[in-house]
Amino acid sequence: MQKIIDELTLIVRDYHGKMIEIPSSVFYDKPNSLKWSKLEILGHLIDSAQNNLRRFICAQYESVPPWIVYHQDIWVAANDYQSAIREELVQLWRLMNERVISVLKTMDEKYYTRLVNTGKDTVQYHSVLALADDYVQHMKHHLNQIMPTSFNT
């Protein structure tokens, strides 16, 4: 888990400033009506942080594996990220990820193997450790969409 925490910490530190430097016009541009803008991708990363934060916390106290599903298109639309203020979303992304880092840092390792059900229509169990690793990989994938060639994924 420490490797995951360290990587996430570096990403948040390095990419917070890099995102601030991207012109707003680039963030708001939508390739087409079916594709997310960079701002909506950033919003998606915030949603992902919220859902995973809940998974990491609930897995520590619920007696049965928590069932926490994320319907990404609904969340992005409901949050209306396309109309949001870019600087506020960049700040929220940083703050949410600092919270995720804090929870992972203080989590007792006995919870790393706890399971969480993330399946929408079927049961899909993942350990907390696997979810944390996937969270970082998922973030890197989407940061590459915001800032191409940021990571070799």
C-alpha atoms as a PDB file:
ATOM      1  CA  MET A   1       0.000   0.000   0.000  1.00  0.00           C
ATOM      2  CA  GLN A   2       2.858   2.391   0.721  1.00  0.00           C
ATOM      3  CA  LYS A   3       3.946   2.321  -2.924  1.00  0.00           C
ATOM      4  CA  ILE A   4       0.395   3.257  -3.982  1.00  0.00           C
ATOM      5  CA  ILE A   5       0.254   6.072  -1.417  1.00  0.00           C
ATOM      6  CA  ASP A   6       3.639   7.412  -2.529  1.00  0.00           C
ATOM      7  CA  GLU A   7       2.679   7.348  -6.213  1.00  0.00           C
ATOM      8  CA  LEU A   8      -0.653   9.045  -5.558  1.00  0.00           C
ATOM      9  CA  THR A   9       1.058  11.701  -3.437  1.00  0.00           C
ATOM     10  CA  LEU A  10       3.513  12.489  -6.240  1.00  0.00           C
ATOM     11  CA  ILE A  11       0.761  12.630  -8.860  1.00  0.00           C
ATOM     12  CA  VAL A  12      -1.330  15.043  -6.816  1.00  0.00           C
ATOM     13  CA  ARG A  13       1.661  17.251  -6.015  1.00  0.00           C
ATOM     14  CA  ASP A  14       2.960  17.369  -9.593  1.00  0.00           C
ATOM     15  CA  TYR A  15      -0.256  17.496 -11.594  1.00  0.00           C
ATOM     16  CA  HIS A  16      -2.161  20.021  -9.508  1.00  0.00           C
ATOM     17  CA  GLY A  17       0.172  22.765 -10.743  1.00  0.00           C
ATOM     18  CA  LYS A  18       0.301  21.416 -14.280  1.00  0.00           C
ATOM     19  CA  MET A  19      -3.487  21.503 -14.578  1.00  0.00           C
ATOM     20  CA  ILE A  20      -3.619  25.109 -13.392  1.00  0.00           C
ATOM     21  CA  GLU A  21      -1.289  26.036 -16.281  1.00  0.00           C
ATOM     22  CA  ILE A  22      -3.604  24.623 -18.976  1.00  0.00           C
ATOM     23  CA  PRO A  23      -5.670  27.421 -20.553  1.00  0.00           C
ATOM     24  CA  SER A  24      -9.362  27.372 -19.636  1.00  0.00           C
ATOM     25  CA  SER A  25     -10.343  27.247 -23.304  1.00  0.00           C
ATOM     26  CA  VAL A  26      -8.561  23.895 -23.624  1.00  0.00           C
ATOM     27  CA  PHE A  27     -10.348  22.529 -20.552  1.00  0.00           C
ATOM     28  CA  TYR A  28     -13.833  23.508 -21.780  1.00  0.00           C
ATOM     29  CA  ASP A  29     -13.450  22.271 -25.362  1.00  0.00           C
ATOM     30  CA  LYS A  30     -15.690  19.265 -26.135  1.00  0.00           C
ATOM     31  CA  PRO A  31     -14.467  17.100 -29.039  1.00  0.00           C
ATOM     32  CA  ASN A  32     -18.118  16.262 -29.775  1.00  0.00           C
ATOM     33  CA  SER A  33     -21.410  15.954 -27.920  1.00  0.00           C
ATOM     34  CA  LEU A  34     -20.701  12.332 -26.960  1.00  0.00           C
ATOM     35  CA  LYS A  35     -17.198  12.922 -25.567  1.00  0.00           C
ATOM     36  CA  TRP A  36     -16.262  14.530 -22.283  1.00  0.00           C
ATOM     37  CA  SER A  37     -14.268  17.741 -22.208  1.00  0.00           C
ATOM     38  CA  LYS A  38     -11.058  17.815 -20.163  1.00  0.00           C
ATOM     39  CA  LEU A  39     -13.095  19.575 -17.471  1.00  0.00           C
ATOM     40  CA  GLU A  40     -15.617  16.727 -17.414  1.00  0.00           C
ATOM     41  CA  ILE A  41     -12.757  14.202 -17.262  1.00  0.00           C
ATOM     42  CA  LEU A  42     -11.399  16.067 -14.250  1.00  0.00           C
ATOM     43  CA  GLY A  43     -14.887  15.967 -12.738  1.00  0.00           C
ATOM     44  CA  HIS A  44     -14.980  12.239 -13.372  1.00  0.00           C
ATOM     45  CA  LEU A  45     -11.724  11.916 -11.424  1.00  0.00           C
ATOM     46  CA  ILE A  46     -13.324  13.826  -8.544  1.00  0.00           C
ATOM     47  CA  ASP A  47     -16.313  11.467  -8.631  1.00  0.00           C
ATOM     48  CA  SER A  48     -13.939   8.521  -8.651  1.00  0.00           C
ATOM     49  CA  ALA A  49     -12.179   9.929  -5.595  1.00  0.00           C
ATOM     50  CA  GLN A  50     -15.507  10.329  -3.778  1.00  0.00           C
ATOM     51  CA  ASN A  51     -16.670   6.806  -4.561  1.00  0.00           C
ATOM     52  CA  ASN A  52     -13.330   5.218  -3.698  1.00  0.00           C
ATOM     53  CA  LEU A  53     -13.020   7.221  -0.509  1.00  0.00           C
ATOM     54  CA  ARG A  54     -16.366   5.794   0.557  1.00  0.00           C
ATOM     55  CA  ARG A  55     -15.236   2.287  -0.414  1.00  0.00           C
ATOM     56  CA  PHE A  56     -12.012   2.608   1.590  1.00  0.00           C
ATOM     57  CA  ILE A  57     -13.866   3.845   4.666  1.00  0.00           C
ATOM     58  CA  CYS A  58     -16.875   1.505   4.563  1.00  0.00           C
ATOM     59  CA  ALA A  59     -14.658  -1.545   4.064  1.00  0.00           C
ATOM     60  CA  GLN A  60     -13.110  -0.806   7.452  1.00  0.00           C
ATOM     61  CA  TYR A  61     -16.315  -1.149   9.462  1.00  0.00           C
ATOM     62  CA  GLU A  62     -19.097  -2.887   7.537  1.00  0.00           C
ATOM     63  CA  SER A  63     -19.551  -6.534   8.462  1.00  0.00           C
ATOM     64  CA  VAL A  64     -20.473  -7.555   4.904  1.00  0.00           C
ATOM     65  CA  PRO A  65     -18.680  -6.280   1.807  1.00  0.00           C
ATOM     66  CA  PRO A  66     -20.075  -2.832   1.018  1.00  0.00           C
ATOM     67  CA  TRP A  67     -21.787  -2.448  -2.329  1.00  0.00           C
ATOM     68  CA  ILE A  68     -20.719   0.881  -3.790  1.00  0.00           C
ATOM     69  CA  VAL A  69     -21.460   1.359  -7.472  1.00  0.00           C
ATOM     70  CA  TYR A  70     -20.450   4.361  -9.561  1.00  0.00           C
ATOM     71  CA  HIS A  71     -22.539   5.302 -12.599  1.00  0.00           C
ATOM     72  CA  GLN A  72     -20.037   7.649 -14.224  1.00  0.00           C
ATOM     73  CA  ASP A  73     -22.172   9.243 -16.932  1.00  0.00           C
ATOM     74  CA  ILE A  74     -24.967  10.033 -14.482  1.00  0.00           C
ATOM     75  CA  TRP A  75     -22.525  11.534 -11.960  1.00  0.00           C
ATOM     76  CA  VAL A  76     -20.760  13.696 -14.564  1.00  0.00           C
ATOM     77  CA  ALA A  77     -24.083  14.966 -15.936  1.00  0.00           C
ATOM     78  CA  ALA A  78     -25.617  15.547 -12.472  1.00  0.00           C
ATOM     79  CA  ASN A  79     -22.570  17.546 -11.383  1.00  0.00           C
ATOM     80  CA  ASP A  80     -22.722  19.611 -14.594  1.00  0.00           C
ATOM     81  CA  TYR A  81     -18.947  19.776 -14.672  1.00  0.00           C
ATOM     82  CA  GLN A  82     -18.991  21.438 -18.094  1.00  0.00           C
ATOM     83  CA  SER A  83     -20.401  24.574 -16.429  1.00  0.00           C
ATOM     84  CA  ALA A  84     -18.055  24.477 -13.445  1.00  0.00           C
ATOM     85  CA  ILE A  85     -15.202  26.847 -12.729  1.00  0.00           C
ATOM     86  CA  ARG A  86     -11.970  25.134 -13.732  1.00  0.00           C
ATOM     87  CA  GLU A  87      -9.870  26.443 -10.838  1.00  0.00           C
ATOM     88  CA  GLU A  88     -12.440  25.200  -8.323  1.00  0.00           C
ATOM     89  CA  LEU A  89     -12.447  21.711  -9.850  1.00  0.00           C
ATOM     90  CA  VAL A  90      -8.651  21.543  -9.888  1.00  0.00           C
ATOM     91  CA  GLN A  91      -8.638  22.519  -6.210  1.00  0.00           C
ATOM     92  CA  LEU A  92     -11.385  19.996  -5.386  1.00  0.00           C
ATOM     93  CA  TRP A  93      -9.464  17.246  -7.225  1.00  0.00           C
ATOM     94  CA  ARG A  94      -6.391  18.013  -5.111  1.00  0.00           C
ATOM     95  CA  LEU A  95      -8.340  18.147  -1.858  1.00  0.00           C
ATOM     96  CA  MET A  96     -10.274  14.924  -2.526  1.00  0.00           C
ATOM     97  CA  ASN A  97      -7.073  13.090  -3.320  1.00  0.00           C
ATOM     98  CA  GLU A  98      -5.336  14.429  -0.228  1.00  0.00           C
ATOM     99  CA  ARG A  99      -8.251  12.967   1.741  1.00  0.00           C
ATOM    100  CA  VAL A 100      -7.898   9.607  -0.041  1.00  0.00           C
ATOM    101  CA  ILE A 101      -4.169   9.633   0.752  1.00  0.00           C
ATOM    102  CA  SER A 102      -4.877  10.414   4.399  1.00  0.00           C
ATOM    103  CA  VAL A 103      -7.380   7.560   4.731  1.00  0.00           C
ATOM    104  CA  LEU A 104      -5.012   5.082   3.063  1.00  0.00           C
ATOM    105  CA  LYS A 105      -2.097   6.219   5.250  1.00  0.00           C
ATOM    106  CA  THR A 106      -3.994   5.692   8.488  1.00  0.00           C
ATOM    107  CA  MET A 107      -5.744   2.460   7.450  1.00  0.00           C
ATOM    108  CA  ASP A 108      -4.696  -0.619   9.392  1.00  0.00           C
ATOM    109  CA  GLU A 109      -3.214  -3.166   6.987  1.00  0.00           C
ATOM    110  CA  LYS A 110      -5.682  -5.799   8.189  1.00  0.00           C
ATOM    111  CA  TYR A 111      -8.276  -3.998   6.021  1.00  0.00           C
ATOM    112  CA  TYR A 112      -6.280  -4.274   2.782  1.00  0.00           C
ATOM    113  CA  THR A 113      -7.844  -7.660   2.004  1.00  0.00           C
ATOM    114  CA  ARG A 114     -11.395  -6.587   2.836  1.00  0.00           C
ATOM    115  CA  LEU A 115     -13.731  -6.880  -0.135  1.00  0.00           C
ATOM    116  CA  VAL A 116     -15.948  -4.276  -1.764  1.00  0.00           C
ATOM    117  CA  ASN A 117     -18.638  -5.042  -4.350  1.00  0.00           C
ATOM    118  CA  THR A 118     -18.382  -2.577  -7.253  1.00  0.00           C
ATOM    119  CA  GLY A 119     -20.625  -4.458  -9.698  1.00  0.00           C
ATOM    120  CA  LYS A 120     -23.499  -2.642 -11.343  1.00  0.00           C
ATOM    121  CA  ASP A 121     -25.500  -5.664 -12.489  1.00  0.00           C
ATOM    122  CA  THR A 122     -23.452  -8.537 -11.098  1.00  0.00           C
ATOM    123  CA  VAL A 123     -21.340  -9.045  -8.010  1.00  0.00           C
ATOM    124  CA  GLN A 124     -17.756  -7.901  -8.572  1.00  0.00           C
ATOM    125  CA  TYR A 125     -15.630  -8.152  -5.453  1.00  0.00           C
ATOM    126  CA  HIS A 126     -12.307  -6.362  -5.200  1.00  0.00           C
ATOM    127  CA  SER A 127      -9.976  -6.042  -2.245  1.00  0.00           C
ATOM    128  CA  VAL A 128      -9.242  -2.605  -0.837  1.00  0.00           C
ATOM    129  CA  LEU A 129      -5.627  -2.997  -1.961  1.00  0.00           C
ATOM    130  CA  ALA A 130      -6.698  -3.834  -5.524  1.00  0.00           C
ATOM    131  CA  LEU A 131      -9.113  -0.896  -5.554  1.00  0.00           C
ATOM    132  CA  ALA A 132      -6.374   1.476  -4.368  1.00  0.00           C
ATOM    133  CA  ASP A 133      -4.007   0.271  -7.078  1.00  0.00           C
ATOM    134  CA  ASP A 134      -6.710   0.479  -9.738  1.00  0.00           C
ATOM    135  CA  TYR A 135      -7.596   3.973  -8.533  1.00  0.00           C
ATOM    136  CA  VAL A 136      -4.061   5.218  -9.268  1.00  0.00           C
ATOM    137  CA  GLN A 137      -3.932   3.476 -12.667  1.00  0.00           C
ATOM    138  CA  HIS A 138      -7.357   4.897 -13.551  1.00  0.00           C
ATOM    139  CA  MET A 139      -6.193   8.386 -12.584  1.00  0.00           C
ATOM    140  CA  LYS A 140      -3.072   8.100 -14.723  1.00  0.00           C
ATOM    141  CA  HIS A 141      -5.177   6.983 -17.697  1.00  0.00           C
ATOM    142  CA  HIS A 142      -7.412  10.041 -17.418  1.00  0.00           C
ATOM    143  CA  LEU A 143      -4.574  12.472 -16.690  1.00  0.00           C
ATOM    144  CA  ASN A 144      -3.129  11.285 -20.013  1.00  0.00           C
ATOM    145  CA  GLN A 145      -6.374  12.434 -21.632  1.00  0.00           C
ATOM    146  CA  ILE A 146      -6.100  15.832 -19.979  1.00  0.00           C
ATOM    147  CA  MET A 147      -2.338  16.159 -20.572  1.00  0.00           C
ATOM    148  CA  PRO A 148      -1.288  13.700 -23.296  1.00  0.00           C
ATOM    149  CA  THR A 149       1.974  11.808 -22.733  1.00  0.00           C
ATOM    150  CA  SER A 150       1.913  12.450 -18.998  1.00  0.00           C
ATOM    151  CA  PHE A 151       2.279   8.753 -18.210  1.00  0.00           C
ATOM    152  CA  ASN A 152       3.259   5.652 -20.117  1.00  0.00           C
ATOM    153  CA  THR A 153       0.261   3.430 -19.459  1.00  0.00           C
END
